[in-house]
Structure formats: C-alpha cells, structure tokens
Amino acid sequence: MDVYELTLLLNIDNDVKAYKEHVASVGGTITEEIVWKNKPLAYPIKKQTNATYYIWKLEIAKDRVNELKKKLNFDEQLLRYLLLKVDAK
C-alpha cells in the first residue's frame, strides 16, 4: 500500500462521513487527520467564501487511486480536493 495525502475543501454545513466512506469503499485507511474549520477562501468557489479543510494521510493501493478520484469528481458538495503521493516515513 502506498501513502497519499488527501486535502478536501468542504462547505461548512457538509458532513465528512460520506468522504470517509468513499475512502473505505476503495480499501483505503485514514492514518492521520487534520481539520481546519471555517477558513476563508482566497476567492469564491461555487459561491462559497469559507470552507472547512480536511487533510488526511491515507494508505491505499496504487490501483485503487483512480477509483477514489472518480468518486470525488462526481461529488457536487465537494468544493475542491487534492490527492498527492507522499514518501512513506
């Protein structure tokens, strides 16, 4: 399993449980979580000026990453996401 960092920008009202289920459904596990609540955005995204940031360290198989990206791309409540591969330390 490879280690990735996933950053999610969600509406303040949005629940993070569905995104944790997305990760679990592709066989990934969240090993670390950082939450930044109600941060202002540099510019409006989908008419939102504030967002909650979730930064997760994930362990997920390399062949399942595209499936996770596909699920995140189809989610209309998600403002933005960034998925990066990081060195395992």
C-alpha atoms as a PDB file:
ATOM      1  CA  MET A   1       0.000   0.000   0.000  1.00  0.00           C
ATOM      2  CA  ASP A   2       1.181   3.483  -0.856  1.00  0.00           C
ATOM      3  CA  VAL A   3       0.833   6.592   1.298  1.00  0.00           C
ATOM      4  CA  TYR A   4      -1.127   9.570  -0.052  1.00  0.00           C
ATOM      5  CA  GLU A   5      -2.223  12.919   1.337  1.00  0.00           C
ATOM      6  CA  LEU A   6      -5.790  13.969   0.544  1.00  0.00           C
ATOM      7  CA  THR A   7      -6.919  17.546   1.142  1.00  0.00           C
ATOM      8  CA  LEU A   8     -10.668  18.224   0.962  1.00  0.00           C
ATOM      9  CA  LEU A   9     -12.394  21.607   0.934  1.00  0.00           C
ATOM     10  CA  LEU A  10     -15.988  21.217   2.079  1.00  0.00           C
ATOM     11  CA  ASN A  11     -18.894  23.546   2.700  1.00  0.00           C
ATOM     12  CA  ILE A  12     -19.141  24.404   6.366  1.00  0.00           C
ATOM     13  CA  ASP A  13     -22.507  22.578   6.563  1.00  0.00           C
ATOM     14  CA  ASN A  14     -21.234  19.428   4.824  1.00  0.00           C
ATOM     15  CA  ASP A  15     -20.672  16.175   6.728  1.00  0.00           C
ATOM     16  CA  VAL A  16     -17.329  14.427   6.312  1.00  0.00           C
ATOM     17  CA  LYS A  17     -18.730  10.933   6.956  1.00  0.00           C
ATOM     18  CA  ALA A  18     -19.549  10.334   3.279  1.00  0.00           C
ATOM     19  CA  TYR A  19     -15.951  11.044   2.265  1.00  0.00           C
ATOM     20  CA  LYS A  20     -14.595   8.654   4.865  1.00  0.00           C
ATOM     21  CA  GLU A  21     -16.920   6.043   3.367  1.00  0.00           C
ATOM     22  CA  HIS A  22     -15.505   6.795  -0.109  1.00  0.00           C
ATOM     23  CA  VAL A  23     -12.010   6.046   1.182  1.00  0.00           C
ATOM     24  CA  ALA A  24     -13.118   2.863   2.947  1.00  0.00           C
ATOM     25  CA  SER A  25     -15.071   1.645  -0.108  1.00  0.00           C
ATOM     26  CA  VAL A  26     -11.886   1.535  -2.202  1.00  0.00           C
ATOM     27  CA  GLY A  27      -9.948  -0.278   0.520  1.00  0.00           C
ATOM     28  CA  GLY A  28      -8.083   2.713   1.917  1.00  0.00           C
ATOM     29  CA  THR A  29      -7.461   3.630   5.537  1.00  0.00           C
ATOM     30  CA  ILE A  30      -7.064   7.075   7.080  1.00  0.00           C
ATOM     31  CA  THR A  31      -3.981   7.097   9.304  1.00  0.00           C
ATOM     32  CA  GLU A  32      -3.880  10.779  10.242  1.00  0.00           C
ATOM     33  CA  GLU A  33      -6.416  13.622  10.187  1.00  0.00           C
ATOM     34  CA  ILE A  34      -6.023  17.384  10.500  1.00  0.00           C
ATOM     35  CA  VAL A  35      -9.094  19.662  10.466  1.00  0.00           C
ATOM     36  CA  TRP A  36      -9.113  23.404   9.839  1.00  0.00           C
ATOM     37  CA  LYS A  37     -12.597  24.745  10.497  1.00  0.00           C
ATOM     38  CA  ASN A  38     -14.172  27.770   8.822  1.00  0.00           C
ATOM     39  CA  LYS A  39     -11.217  29.186   6.911  1.00  0.00           C
ATOM     40  CA  PRO A  40     -11.735  32.000   4.388  1.00  0.00           C
ATOM     41  CA  LEU A  41     -11.031  31.182   0.763  1.00  0.00           C
ATOM     42  CA  ALA A  42      -8.809  33.385  -1.403  1.00  0.00           C
ATOM     43  CA  TYR A  43     -11.611  33.568  -3.963  1.00  0.00           C
ATOM     44  CA  PRO A  44     -15.220  32.272  -4.056  1.00  0.00           C
ATOM     45  CA  ILE A  45     -15.671  28.655  -5.133  1.00  0.00           C
ATOM     46  CA  LYS A  46     -19.235  27.659  -6.071  1.00  0.00           C
ATOM     47  CA  LYS A  47     -20.430  30.885  -4.388  1.00  0.00           C
ATOM     48  CA  GLN A  48     -18.779  29.911  -1.085  1.00  0.00           C
ATOM     49  CA  THR A  49     -16.325  32.238   0.656  1.00  0.00           C
ATOM     50  CA  ASN A  50     -15.448  29.969   3.617  1.00  0.00           C
ATOM     51  CA  ALA A  51     -14.666  26.272   3.810  1.00  0.00           C
ATOM     52  CA  THR A  52     -13.590  23.532   6.185  1.00  0.00           C
ATOM     53  CA  TYR A  53     -10.289  21.904   5.253  1.00  0.00           C
ATOM     54  CA  TYR A  54      -9.675  18.206   5.956  1.00  0.00           C
ATOM     55  CA  ILE A  55      -6.142  16.912   5.481  1.00  0.00           C
ATOM     56  CA  TRP A  56      -5.832  13.131   5.624  1.00  0.00           C
ATOM     57  CA  LYS A  57      -2.900  10.761   5.337  1.00  0.00           C
ATOM     58  CA  LEU A  58      -4.184   7.669   3.522  1.00  0.00           C
ATOM     59  CA  GLU A  59      -2.877   4.210   2.887  1.00  0.00           C
ATOM     60  CA  ILE A  60      -4.377   2.943  -0.331  1.00  0.00           C
ATOM     61  CA  ALA A  61      -3.411   0.530  -3.097  1.00  0.00           C
ATOM     62  CA  LYS A  62      -1.974   2.184  -6.180  1.00  0.00           C
ATOM     63  CA  ASP A  63      -4.528   0.543  -8.481  1.00  0.00           C
ATOM     64  CA  ARG A  64      -7.483   1.918  -6.446  1.00  0.00           C
ATOM     65  CA  VAL A  65      -6.465   5.586  -6.549  1.00  0.00           C
ATOM     66  CA  ASN A  66      -8.272   6.286  -9.837  1.00  0.00           C
ATOM     67  CA  GLU A  67     -11.463   4.803  -8.413  1.00  0.00           C
ATOM     68  CA  LEU A  68     -11.251   7.168  -5.431  1.00  0.00           C
ATOM     69  CA  LYS A  69     -10.626  10.155  -7.743  1.00  0.00           C
ATOM     70  CA  LYS A  70     -13.658   9.197  -9.805  1.00  0.00           C
ATOM     71  CA  LYS A  71     -15.888   9.155  -6.705  1.00  0.00           C
ATOM     72  CA  LEU A  72     -14.582  12.544  -5.582  1.00  0.00           C
ATOM     73  CA  ASN A  73     -15.022  14.086  -9.046  1.00  0.00           C
ATOM     74  CA  PHE A  74     -18.721  13.169  -9.136  1.00  0.00           C
ATOM     75  CA  ASP A  75     -19.492  14.653  -5.716  1.00  0.00           C
ATOM     76  CA  GLU A  76     -21.169  18.049  -6.163  1.00  0.00           C
ATOM     77  CA  GLN A  77     -20.906  19.044  -2.491  1.00  0.00           C
ATOM     78  CA  LEU A  78     -17.101  18.893  -2.565  1.00  0.00           C
ATOM     79  CA  LEU A  79     -15.591  22.298  -3.363  1.00  0.00           C
ATOM     80  CA  ARG A  80     -12.062  21.088  -4.197  1.00  0.00           C
ATOM     81  CA  TYR A  81      -9.695  18.232  -3.470  1.00  0.00           C
ATOM     82  CA  LEU A  82      -6.014  17.498  -3.917  1.00  0.00           C
ATOM     83  CA  LEU A  83      -4.546  13.994  -3.791  1.00  0.00           C
ATOM     84  CA  LEU A  84      -0.754  13.689  -3.583  1.00  0.00           C
ATOM     85  CA  LYS A  85       1.536  10.703  -3.186  1.00  0.00           C
ATOM     86  CA  VAL A  86       3.974  11.181  -0.315  1.00  0.00           C
ATOM     87  CA  ASP A  87       7.061   9.288   0.789  1.00  0.00           C
ATOM     88  CA  ALA A  88       6.338   6.693   3.476  1.00  0.00           C
ATOM     89  CA  LYS A  89       8.237   7.640   6.619  1.00  0.00           C
END
